[in-house]
Amino acid sequence: MTLMNVLVDFARTGHIGPLRCGMPLTEAEDLLGPGRPHPAIRKRNLDQAPARLDDHVAAAGLA
């Protein structure tokens, strides 16, 4: 299956395999397993992403 086929099917149905637009995260995790933090978050040893963009920029050392 090519990327174009996947995109056309998604545009037509809103599904990518068993996943669908608007699916609750808990339901997607049941299908795919639990997610893992982005490597940048693990590297900085943060428990969660900052709530504000300014905080995120400062945490990334870009301010």
Protein backbone atom coordinates (compact mmCIF):
# COMPACT_ATOMS: atom_id res chain seq x y z
CA MET A 1 0.00 0.00 0.00
CA THR A 2 1.42 3.38 -0.97
CA LEU A 3 1.23 6.61 0.98
CA MET A 4 -1.16 8.02 -1.61
CA ASN A 5 -3.55 5.10 -1.06
CA VAL A 6 -3.44 5.68 2.70
CA LEU A 7 -4.10 9.41 2.27
CA VAL A 8 -6.97 8.87 -0.15
CA ASP A 9 -8.57 6.30 2.16
CA PHE A 10 -8.13 8.66 5.11
CA ALA A 11 -9.69 11.56 3.19
CA ARG A 12 -12.61 9.35 2.17
CA THR A 13 -13.30 7.58 5.49
CA GLY A 14 -11.41 9.39 8.28
CA HIS A 15 -9.74 6.08 9.17
CA ILE A 16 -6.15 4.88 9.00
CA GLY A 17 -6.39 1.17 9.60
CA PRO A 18 -8.17 0.72 12.94
CA LEU A 19 -7.60 4.37 13.91
CA ARG A 20 -10.13 7.10 13.17
CA CYS A 21 -10.31 10.87 13.51
CA GLY A 22 -11.67 11.98 16.86
CA MET A 23 -10.86 8.68 18.55
CA PRO A 24 -10.19 9.08 22.29
CA LEU A 25 -6.56 8.61 23.26
CA THR A 26 -7.45 5.76 25.61
CA GLU A 27 -9.12 3.87 22.76
CA ALA A 28 -6.11 4.43 20.47
CA GLU A 29 -3.76 3.26 23.23
CA ASP A 30 -5.87 0.11 23.61
CA LEU A 31 -5.25 -0.60 19.92
CA LEU A 32 -1.62 0.51 19.66
CA GLY A 33 -0.29 0.18 23.17
CA PRO A 34 0.81 3.04 25.42
CA GLY A 35 2.71 5.90 23.88
CA ARG A 36 6.14 6.99 25.00
CA PRO A 37 7.52 10.47 25.57
CA HIS A 38 9.26 12.28 22.73
CA PRO A 39 13.06 11.77 22.93
CA ALA A 40 13.58 15.49 23.64
CA ILE A 41 11.33 15.24 26.68
CA ARG A 42 13.09 12.10 27.92
CA LYS A 43 16.49 13.74 27.38
CA ARG A 44 15.51 16.73 29.50
CA ASN A 45 13.92 14.42 32.07
CA LEU A 46 10.64 16.37 32.08
CA ASP A 47 7.46 14.74 33.31
CA GLN A 48 5.25 16.74 30.99
CA ALA A 49 5.45 19.38 28.30
CA PRO A 50 5.18 23.00 29.51
CA ALA A 51 1.69 24.46 29.36
CA ARG A 52 2.69 27.72 27.65
CA LEU A 53 4.68 28.24 24.46
CA ASP A 54 6.99 30.72 26.24
CA ASP A 55 7.84 28.06 28.82
CA HIS A 56 8.49 25.51 26.06
CA VAL A 57 10.83 27.90 24.23
CA ALA A 58 12.69 28.65 27.47
CA ALA A 59 12.95 24.95 28.33
CA ALA A 60 14.41 24.26 24.89
CA GLY A 61 17.05 26.97 25.48
CA LEU A 62 15.77 29.09 22.59
CA ALA A 63 14.86 32.18 24.61
